[in-house]
Amino acid sequence: MEALVLLLMSWIDEKTDYDTSTMPVPVVVELTAEQLTREAYREVPDLIPASGVDARVYALYTWEPADTGTIYILNASDTEGIQAGEDPLENPVFHERLLHELIHHAQYHSQSYERFPCKNYGELEAYIEGGRYLKERHVTDPMPNRYVLAHMYSRC
């Protein structure tokens, strides 16, 4: 996993204005859909859907611990788009989800969040760069309405 994270951080360094060369490597924790939902709703557990799963949550970033940050992500083996016999960590959809959270990691460690009008604003860049990543790899985007969502989720 660390090799994949370093590869994606290198992509961010090359394709964006972020210098990831001195950023710490975040901890990456793969979770089941139920575990990821509980983590996403940690501060508001009463809002967890009755099914125990929020299918809209694929990953999240937290800057705790502040020195490295942590990415919680749906298990690679549970990510759609895996071809028969393929290593789940080779799935470009999983890569894009991890990249999205690494963009937030770069935003945090470069102090971009301090310049954003609100925390949600960082979603715009994360969604757009994720789409760019998939397009470069000629992978059909599983989110055909990516740009609508990017603008919707980045509203303050």
N, C-alpha and C. Protein backbone atom coordinates (compact mmCIF):
# COMPACT_ATOMS: atom_id res chain seq x y z
N MET A 1 0.82 -1.20 0.00
CA MET A 1 0.00 0.00 0.00
C MET A 1 0.87 1.26 0.00
N GLU A 2 1.97 1.23 0.78
CA GLU A 2 2.80 2.43 0.84
C GLU A 2 3.37 2.79 -0.53
N ALA A 3 3.73 1.78 -1.32
CA ALA A 3 4.26 2.05 -2.66
C ALA A 3 3.20 2.73 -3.53
N LEU A 4 1.96 2.30 -3.42
CA LEU A 4 0.87 2.92 -4.17
C LEU A 4 0.67 4.36 -3.71
N VAL A 5 0.68 4.60 -2.40
CA VAL A 5 0.53 5.95 -1.87
C VAL A 5 1.65 6.85 -2.40
N LEU A 6 2.87 6.36 -2.37
CA LEU A 6 4.00 7.16 -2.87
C LEU A 6 3.87 7.45 -4.37
N LEU A 7 3.40 6.48 -5.13
CA LEU A 7 3.19 6.67 -6.55
C LEU A 7 2.13 7.76 -6.80
N LEU A 8 1.04 7.71 -6.06
CA LEU A 8 -0.02 8.71 -6.22
C LEU A 8 0.41 10.09 -5.72
N MET A 9 1.20 10.11 -4.66
CA MET A 9 1.72 11.40 -4.19
C MET A 9 2.66 12.01 -5.24
N SER A 10 3.41 11.15 -5.92
CA SER A 10 4.27 11.62 -7.00
C SER A 10 3.44 12.19 -8.14
N TRP A 11 2.32 11.55 -8.45
CA TRP A 11 1.41 12.05 -9.49
C TRP A 11 0.91 13.44 -9.10
N ILE A 12 0.51 13.59 -7.84
CA ILE A 12 0.03 14.89 -7.35
C ILE A 12 1.12 15.94 -7.48
N ASP A 13 2.35 15.57 -7.11
CA ASP A 13 3.49 16.48 -7.20
C ASP A 13 3.70 16.94 -8.65
N GLU A 14 3.55 16.02 -9.58
CA GLU A 14 3.79 16.32 -10.99
C GLU A 14 2.64 17.09 -11.64
N LYS A 15 1.41 16.78 -11.27
CA LYS A 15 0.25 17.30 -11.99
C LYS A 15 -0.42 18.51 -11.33
N THR A 16 -0.05 18.82 -10.10
CA THR A 16 -0.68 19.95 -9.39
C THR A 16 0.40 20.90 -8.90
N ASP A 17 -0.02 21.92 -8.19
CA ASP A 17 0.92 22.88 -7.61
C ASP A 17 1.46 22.44 -6.25
N TYR A 18 1.07 21.26 -5.78
CA TYR A 18 1.53 20.80 -4.47
C TYR A 18 2.90 20.14 -4.58
N ASP A 19 3.76 20.47 -3.64
CA ASP A 19 5.06 19.81 -3.51
C ASP A 19 4.90 18.73 -2.46
N THR A 20 4.74 17.50 -2.90
CA THR A 20 4.52 16.40 -1.96
C THR A 20 5.83 15.75 -1.50
N SER A 21 6.94 16.21 -2.04
CA SER A 21 8.23 15.56 -1.76
C SER A 21 8.60 15.60 -0.28
N THR A 22 8.13 16.58 0.45
CA THR A 22 8.48 16.68 1.87
C THR A 22 7.30 16.35 2.79
N MET A 23 6.17 15.98 2.19
CA MET A 23 5.00 15.65 3.00
C MET A 23 5.13 14.26 3.59
N PRO A 24 4.62 14.08 4.80
CA PRO A 24 4.64 12.73 5.38
C PRO A 24 3.67 11.83 4.62
N VAL A 25 3.93 10.56 4.68
CA VAL A 25 3.03 9.57 4.07
C VAL A 25 1.92 9.29 5.08
N PRO A 26 0.66 9.47 4.67
CA PRO A 26 -0.42 9.23 5.63
C PRO A 26 -0.61 7.74 5.90
N VAL A 27 -1.21 7.46 7.02
CA VAL A 27 -1.61 6.10 7.35
C VAL A 27 -2.85 5.80 6.50
N VAL A 28 -2.91 4.62 5.90
CA VAL A 28 -4.08 4.22 5.11
C VAL A 28 -4.69 2.99 5.78
N VAL A 29 -5.98 3.10 6.10
CA VAL A 29 -6.69 2.02 6.77
C VAL A 29 -7.85 1.58 5.89
N GLU A 30 -7.81 0.35 5.42
CA GLU A 30 -8.91 -0.20 4.64
C GLU A 30 -9.98 -0.72 5.60
N LEU A 31 -11.24 -0.40 5.29
CA LEU A 31 -12.36 -0.78 6.15
C LEU A 31 -13.49 -1.39 5.32
N THR A 32 -14.35 -2.14 6.00
CA THR A 32 -15.58 -2.60 5.36
C THR A 32 -16.51 -1.40 5.21
N ALA A 33 -17.56 -1.56 4.42
CA ALA A 33 -18.53 -0.47 4.25
C ALA A 33 -19.16 -0.07 5.58
N GLU A 34 -19.44 -1.04 6.43
CA GLU A 34 -20.03 -0.74 7.75
C GLU A 34 -19.05 0.03 8.63
N GLN A 35 -17.80 -0.41 8.66
CA GLN A 35 -16.79 0.27 9.47
C GLN A 35 -16.54 1.69 8.97
N LEU A 36 -16.50 1.85 7.65
CA LEU A 36 -16.27 3.17 7.06
C LEU A 36 -17.43 4.10 7.39
N THR A 37 -18.64 3.60 7.34
CA THR A 37 -19.81 4.41 7.69
C THR A 37 -19.73 4.84 9.15
N ARG A 38 -19.37 3.92 10.03
CA ARG A 38 -19.24 4.28 11.46
C ARG A 38 -18.18 5.35 11.66
N GLU A 39 -17.08 5.24 10.91
CA GLU A 39 -16.01 6.25 11.03
C GLU A 39 -16.49 7.60 10.51
N ALA A 40 -17.20 7.58 9.40
CA ALA A 40 -17.70 8.83 8.81
C ALA A 40 -18.72 9.52 9.72
N TYR A 41 -19.47 8.75 10.46
CA TYR A 41 -20.52 9.29 11.33
C TYR A 41 -20.10 9.26 12.80
N ARG A 42 -18.81 9.18 13.04
CA ARG A 42 -18.30 9.06 14.42
C ARG A 42 -18.86 10.13 15.34
N GLU A 43 -18.96 11.34 14.85
CA GLU A 43 -19.42 12.45 15.71
C GLU A 43 -20.94 12.59 15.72
N VAL A 44 -21.62 11.90 14.82
CA VAL A 44 -23.09 11.95 14.76
C VAL A 44 -23.66 10.55 14.55
N PRO A 45 -23.41 9.62 15.46
CA PRO A 45 -23.81 8.22 15.24
C PRO A 45 -25.32 8.03 15.08
N ASP A 46 -26.12 8.93 15.59
CA ASP A 46 -27.57 8.82 15.45
C ASP A 46 -28.02 8.98 14.00
N LEU A 47 -27.15 9.52 13.14
CA LEU A 47 -27.51 9.75 11.75
C LEU A 47 -27.08 8.60 10.82
N ILE A 48 -26.47 7.56 11.38
CA ILE A 48 -26.08 6.40 10.56
C ILE A 48 -27.36 5.80 9.96
N PRO A 49 -27.36 5.54 8.65
CA PRO A 49 -28.54 4.94 8.03
C PRO A 49 -28.94 3.62 8.71
N ALA A 50 -30.21 3.30 8.66
CA ALA A 50 -30.72 2.09 9.32
C ALA A 50 -30.01 0.83 8.83
N SER A 51 -29.58 0.83 7.58
CA SER A 51 -28.88 -0.33 7.02
C SER A 51 -27.48 -0.49 7.60
N GLY A 52 -26.98 0.58 8.23
CA GLY A 52 -25.62 0.55 8.78
C GLY A 52 -24.57 0.95 7.77
N VAL A 53 -24.98 1.24 6.52
CA VAL A 53 -24.04 1.59 5.46
C VAL A 53 -24.53 2.82 4.72
N ASP A 54 -23.62 3.78 4.56
CA ASP A 54 -23.89 4.92 3.69
C ASP A 54 -23.10 4.65 2.41
N ALA A 55 -23.81 4.24 1.36
CA ALA A 55 -23.17 3.83 0.11
C ALA A 55 -22.49 4.99 -0.61
N ARG A 56 -22.69 6.21 -0.14
CA ARG A 56 -22.04 7.37 -0.76
C ARG A 56 -20.63 7.59 -0.22
N VAL A 57 -20.26 6.91 0.85
CA VAL A 57 -18.97 7.11 1.49
C VAL A 57 -18.01 6.02 1.03
N TYR A 58 -16.97 6.43 0.29
CA TYR A 58 -15.96 5.50 -0.18
C TYR A 58 -14.65 5.68 0.56
N ALA A 59 -14.40 6.87 1.07
CA ALA A 59 -13.15 7.15 1.77
C ALA A 59 -13.28 8.47 2.49
N LEU A 60 -12.40 8.70 3.45
CA LEU A 60 -12.33 9.99 4.12
C LEU A 60 -10.94 10.22 4.66
N TYR A 61 -10.62 11.50 4.81
CA TYR A 61 -9.30 11.89 5.30
C TYR A 61 -9.47 12.64 6.61
N THR A 62 -8.61 12.32 7.55
CA THR A 62 -8.55 13.08 8.78
C THR A 62 -7.09 13.43 9.04
N TRP A 63 -6.86 14.62 9.51
CA TRP A 63 -5.48 15.03 9.74
C TRP A 63 -4.98 14.57 11.09
N GLU A 64 -5.70 13.69 11.74
CA GLU A 64 -5.23 13.08 12.99
C GLU A 64 -4.54 11.77 12.67
N PRO A 65 -3.39 11.46 13.18
CA PRO A 65 -2.56 12.39 13.92
C PRO A 65 -2.00 13.46 12.98
N ALA A 66 -1.82 14.64 13.52
CA ALA A 66 -1.44 15.81 12.71
C ALA A 66 -0.12 15.64 11.98
N ASP A 67 0.76 14.82 12.50
CA ASP A 67 2.06 14.67 11.83
C ASP A 67 1.97 13.83 10.56
N THR A 68 0.99 12.93 10.45
CA THR A 68 0.89 12.11 9.24
C THR A 68 -0.47 12.19 8.57
N GLY A 69 -1.53 12.23 9.34
CA GLY A 69 -2.87 12.15 8.78
C GLY A 69 -3.24 10.69 8.55
N THR A 70 -4.55 10.44 8.40
CA THR A 70 -5.05 9.08 8.19
C THR A 70 -6.10 9.10 7.09
N ILE A 71 -6.03 8.13 6.22
CA ILE A 71 -7.04 7.93 5.19
C ILE A 71 -7.76 6.64 5.52
N TYR A 72 -9.09 6.73 5.67
CA TYR A 72 -9.94 5.56 5.83
C TYR A 72 -10.58 5.33 4.48
N ILE A 73 -10.49 4.11 3.97
CA ILE A 73 -10.97 3.83 2.62
C ILE A 73 -11.62 2.46 2.55
N LEU A 74 -12.64 2.36 1.72
CA LEU A 74 -13.30 1.08 1.48
C LEU A 74 -12.27 0.09 0.96
N ASN A 75 -12.31 -1.13 1.49
CA ASN A 75 -11.37 -2.17 1.07
C ASN A 75 -11.21 -2.21 -0.44
N ALA A 76 -9.99 -2.33 -0.91
CA ALA A 76 -9.74 -2.43 -2.34
C ALA A 76 -10.52 -3.59 -2.94
N SER A 77 -10.63 -4.69 -2.21
CA SER A 77 -11.35 -5.86 -2.73
C SER A 77 -12.85 -5.63 -2.84
N ASP A 78 -13.37 -4.60 -2.18
CA ASP A 78 -14.80 -4.27 -2.25
C ASP A 78 -15.09 -3.13 -3.21
N THR A 79 -14.09 -2.68 -3.94
CA THR A 79 -14.24 -1.56 -4.87
C THR A 79 -14.66 -2.09 -6.23
N GLU A 80 -15.72 -1.49 -6.81
CA GLU A 80 -16.16 -1.96 -8.12
C GLU A 80 -15.08 -1.73 -9.17
N GLY A 81 -15.18 -2.48 -10.24
CA GLY A 81 -14.24 -2.30 -11.34
C GLY A 81 -13.11 -3.31 -11.36
N ILE A 82 -13.06 -4.22 -10.40
CA ILE A 82 -12.01 -5.22 -10.38
C ILE A 82 -12.31 -6.26 -11.47
N GLN A 83 -11.32 -6.56 -12.25
CA GLN A 83 -11.45 -7.59 -13.27
C GLN A 83 -11.08 -8.94 -12.65
N ALA A 84 -11.63 -10.01 -13.18
CA ALA A 84 -11.37 -11.35 -12.66
C ALA A 84 -9.86 -11.61 -12.60
N GLY A 85 -9.39 -12.05 -11.46
CA GLY A 85 -7.99 -12.37 -11.29
C GLY A 85 -7.08 -11.18 -11.04
N GLU A 86 -7.65 -9.98 -11.06
CA GLU A 86 -6.85 -8.77 -10.87
C GLU A 86 -6.56 -8.53 -9.39
N ASP A 87 -5.37 -8.05 -9.11
CA ASP A 87 -5.01 -7.64 -7.75
C ASP A 87 -5.86 -6.41 -7.42
N PRO A 88 -6.62 -6.45 -6.34
CA PRO A 88 -7.48 -5.30 -6.00
C PRO A 88 -6.73 -3.98 -5.91
N LEU A 89 -5.45 -4.02 -5.51
CA LEU A 89 -4.68 -2.78 -5.40
C LEU A 89 -4.29 -2.22 -6.77
N GLU A 90 -4.55 -2.96 -7.84
CA GLU A 90 -4.28 -2.48 -9.20
C GLU A 90 -5.50 -1.80 -9.82
N ASN A 91 -6.60 -1.78 -9.12
CA ASN A 91 -7.85 -1.22 -9.63
C ASN A 91 -7.75 0.30 -9.72
N PRO A 92 -7.88 0.89 -10.92
CA PRO A 92 -7.77 2.34 -11.05
C PRO A 92 -8.87 3.11 -10.32
N VAL A 93 -10.02 2.49 -10.10
CA VAL A 93 -11.09 3.16 -9.34
C VAL A 93 -10.65 3.29 -7.88
N PHE A 94 -10.03 2.25 -7.34
CA PHE A 94 -9.48 2.33 -5.99
C PHE A 94 -8.39 3.40 -5.94
N HIS A 95 -7.54 3.44 -6.95
CA HIS A 95 -6.47 4.45 -7.03
C HIS A 95 -7.07 5.85 -6.99
N GLU A 96 -8.14 6.07 -7.77
CA GLU A 96 -8.75 7.41 -7.81
C GLU A 96 -9.30 7.80 -6.46
N ARG A 97 -9.92 6.87 -5.78
CA ARG A 97 -10.47 7.18 -4.44
C ARG A 97 -9.35 7.52 -3.46
N LEU A 98 -8.27 6.79 -3.54
CA LEU A 98 -7.12 7.07 -2.68
C LEU A 98 -6.50 8.42 -3.07
N LEU A 99 -6.40 8.67 -4.36
CA LEU A 99 -5.86 9.95 -4.85
C LEU A 99 -6.69 11.12 -4.33
N HIS A 100 -8.01 10.97 -4.37
CA HIS A 100 -8.92 12.02 -3.88
C HIS A 100 -8.55 12.40 -2.44
N GLU A 101 -8.36 11.39 -1.60
CA GLU A 101 -8.02 11.67 -0.19
C GLU A 101 -6.60 12.21 -0.06
N LEU A 102 -5.71 11.77 -0.93
CA LEU A 102 -4.34 12.31 -0.91
C LEU A 102 -4.32 13.78 -1.33
N ILE A 103 -5.25 14.20 -2.17
CA ILE A 103 -5.37 15.63 -2.50
C ILE A 103 -5.71 16.38 -1.22
N HIS A 104 -6.63 15.85 -0.42
CA HIS A 104 -6.95 16.50 0.86
C HIS A 104 -5.73 16.53 1.78
N HIS A 105 -4.97 15.46 1.76
CA HIS A 105 -3.73 15.39 2.55
C HIS A 105 -2.78 16.51 2.11
N ALA A 106 -2.63 16.68 0.80
CA ALA A 106 -1.76 17.74 0.26
C ALA A 106 -2.31 19.12 0.61
N GLN A 107 -3.61 19.27 0.54
CA GLN A 107 -4.23 20.55 0.91
C GLN A 107 -3.94 20.89 2.37
N TYR A 108 -4.07 19.88 3.22
CA TYR A 108 -3.82 20.11 4.65
C TYR A 108 -2.36 20.45 4.92
N HIS A 109 -1.44 19.64 4.37
CA HIS A 109 -0.02 19.84 4.67
C HIS A 109 0.58 21.05 3.97
N SER A 110 -0.09 21.58 2.98
CA SER A 110 0.39 22.81 2.33
C SER A 110 -0.32 24.04 2.90
N GLN A 111 -1.19 23.83 3.86
CA GLN A 111 -1.99 24.87 4.50
C GLN A 111 -2.98 25.56 3.55
N SER A 112 -3.35 24.86 2.48
CA SER A 112 -4.36 25.41 1.57
C SER A 112 -5.69 25.59 2.27
N TYR A 113 -6.01 24.69 3.19
CA TYR A 113 -7.28 24.80 3.91
C TYR A 113 -7.45 26.17 4.55
N GLU A 114 -6.36 26.74 5.00
CA GLU A 114 -6.43 28.04 5.66
C GLU A 114 -6.86 29.15 4.71
N ARG A 115 -6.66 28.96 3.41
CA ARG A 115 -7.04 29.96 2.41
C ARG A 115 -8.40 29.70 1.79
N PHE A 116 -8.97 28.52 2.04
CA PHE A 116 -10.27 28.19 1.47
C PHE A 116 -11.38 28.95 2.20
N PRO A 117 -12.44 29.32 1.50
CA PRO A 117 -13.56 29.99 2.18
C PRO A 117 -14.24 29.08 3.20
N CYS A 118 -14.14 27.75 3.01
CA CYS A 118 -14.66 26.79 3.97
C CYS A 118 -13.97 25.45 3.70
N LYS A 119 -14.08 24.52 4.62
CA LYS A 119 -13.44 23.21 4.48
C LYS A 119 -13.94 22.48 3.24
N ASN A 120 -15.23 22.58 2.94
CA ASN A 120 -15.80 21.87 1.79
C ASN A 120 -15.18 22.28 0.46
N TYR A 121 -14.63 23.45 0.39
CA TYR A 121 -14.09 23.97 -0.86
C TYR A 121 -13.03 23.05 -1.46
N GLY A 122 -12.32 22.32 -0.64
CA GLY A 122 -11.28 21.41 -1.11
C GLY A 122 -11.81 20.25 -1.93
N GLU A 123 -13.11 19.97 -1.81
CA GLU A 123 -13.70 18.87 -2.58
C GLU A 123 -13.64 19.13 -4.08
N LEU A 124 -13.76 20.38 -4.49
CA LEU A 124 -13.75 20.71 -5.91
C LEU A 124 -12.47 20.18 -6.57
N GLU A 125 -11.35 20.53 -6.02
CA GLU A 125 -10.07 20.10 -6.58
C GLU A 125 -9.91 18.58 -6.50
N ALA A 126 -10.31 17.97 -5.40
CA ALA A 126 -10.15 16.53 -5.23
C ALA A 126 -10.96 15.76 -6.28
N TYR A 127 -12.19 16.18 -6.51
CA TYR A 127 -13.01 15.52 -7.53
C TYR A 127 -12.45 15.74 -8.93
N ILE A 128 -12.05 16.95 -9.23
CA ILE A 128 -11.54 17.25 -10.58
C ILE A 128 -10.25 16.49 -10.85
N GLU A 129 -9.32 16.47 -9.91
CA GLU A 129 -8.07 15.75 -10.12
C GLU A 129 -8.30 14.25 -10.23
N GLY A 130 -9.27 13.73 -9.48
CA GLY A 130 -9.59 12.31 -9.61
C GLY A 130 -10.08 11.97 -11.00
N GLY A 131 -10.94 12.83 -11.55
CA GLY A 131 -11.41 12.62 -12.92
C GLY A 131 -10.28 12.70 -13.92
N ARG A 132 -9.39 13.63 -13.70
CA ARG A 132 -8.22 13.78 -14.58
C ARG A 132 -7.36 12.52 -14.56
N TYR A 133 -7.17 11.97 -13.37
CA TYR A 133 -6.38 10.75 -13.21
C TYR A 133 -6.99 9.60 -14.02
N LEU A 134 -8.31 9.41 -13.88
CA LEU A 134 -8.98 8.33 -14.62
C LEU A 134 -8.91 8.56 -16.13
N LYS A 135 -9.10 9.81 -16.55
CA LYS A 135 -9.07 10.13 -17.98
C LYS A 135 -7.70 9.82 -18.57
N GLU A 136 -6.64 10.15 -17.84
CA GLU A 136 -5.28 9.87 -18.32
C GLU A 136 -5.05 8.37 -18.50
N ARG A 137 -5.77 7.57 -17.76
CA ARG A 137 -5.61 6.12 -17.82
C ARG A 137 -6.66 5.47 -18.72
N HIS A 138 -7.47 6.30 -19.38
CA HIS A 138 -8.51 5.82 -20.29
C HIS A 138 -9.48 4.88 -19.59
N VAL A 139 -9.84 5.24 -18.35
CA VAL A 139 -10.77 4.45 -17.56
C VAL A 139 -12.10 5.18 -17.53
N THR A 140 -13.18 4.46 -17.78
CA THR A 140 -14.51 5.05 -17.70
C THR A 140 -14.76 5.50 -16.27
N ASP A 141 -15.13 6.75 -16.12
CA ASP A 141 -15.36 7.31 -14.80
C ASP A 141 -16.65 6.72 -14.22
N PRO A 142 -16.57 6.10 -13.03
CA PRO A 142 -17.78 5.55 -12.42
C PRO A 142 -18.72 6.65 -11.91
N MET A 143 -18.27 7.91 -11.97
CA MET A 143 -19.09 9.05 -11.56
C MET A 143 -19.31 9.95 -12.78
N PRO A 144 -20.27 9.61 -13.63
CA PRO A 144 -20.46 10.42 -14.84
C PRO A 144 -20.87 11.86 -14.54
N ASN A 145 -21.37 12.10 -13.36
CA ASN A 145 -21.75 13.46 -12.95
C ASN A 145 -20.71 14.06 -12.01
N ARG A 146 -19.46 13.70 -12.19
CA ARG A 146 -18.35 14.12 -11.33
C ARG A 146 -18.31 15.64 -11.13
N TYR A 147 -18.46 16.41 -12.21
CA TYR A 147 -18.30 17.86 -12.10
C TYR A 147 -19.48 18.50 -11.37
N VAL A 148 -20.65 17.93 -11.52
CA VAL A 148 -21.82 18.41 -10.77
C VAL A 148 -21.58 18.15 -9.29
N LEU A 149 -21.14 16.93 -8.96
CA LEU A 149 -20.86 16.59 -7.57
C LEU A 149 -19.73 17.44 -7.00
N ALA A 150 -18.71 17.68 -7.81
CA ALA A 150 -17.58 18.51 -7.36
C ALA A 150 -18.07 19.87 -6.91
N HIS A 151 -18.93 20.46 -7.69
CA HIS A 151 -19.44 21.79 -7.34
C HIS A 151 -20.44 21.71 -6.18
N MET A 152 -21.25 20.67 -6.16
CA MET A 152 -22.25 20.52 -5.09
C MET A 152 -21.55 20.33 -3.73
N TYR A 153 -20.58 19.43 -3.68
CA TYR A 153 -19.92 19.12 -2.42
C TYR A 153 -18.92 20.18 -1.97
N SER A 154 -18.56 21.10 -2.86
CA SER A 154 -17.59 22.12 -2.49
C SER A 154 -18.25 23.44 -2.07
N ARG A 155 -19.56 23.44 -2.04
CA ARG A 155 -20.27 24.67 -1.65
C ARG A 155 -20.08 24.98 -0.19
N CYS A 156 -19.94 26.24 0.10
CA CYS A 156 -19.78 26.68 1.50
C CYS A 156 -21.14 27.03 2.09
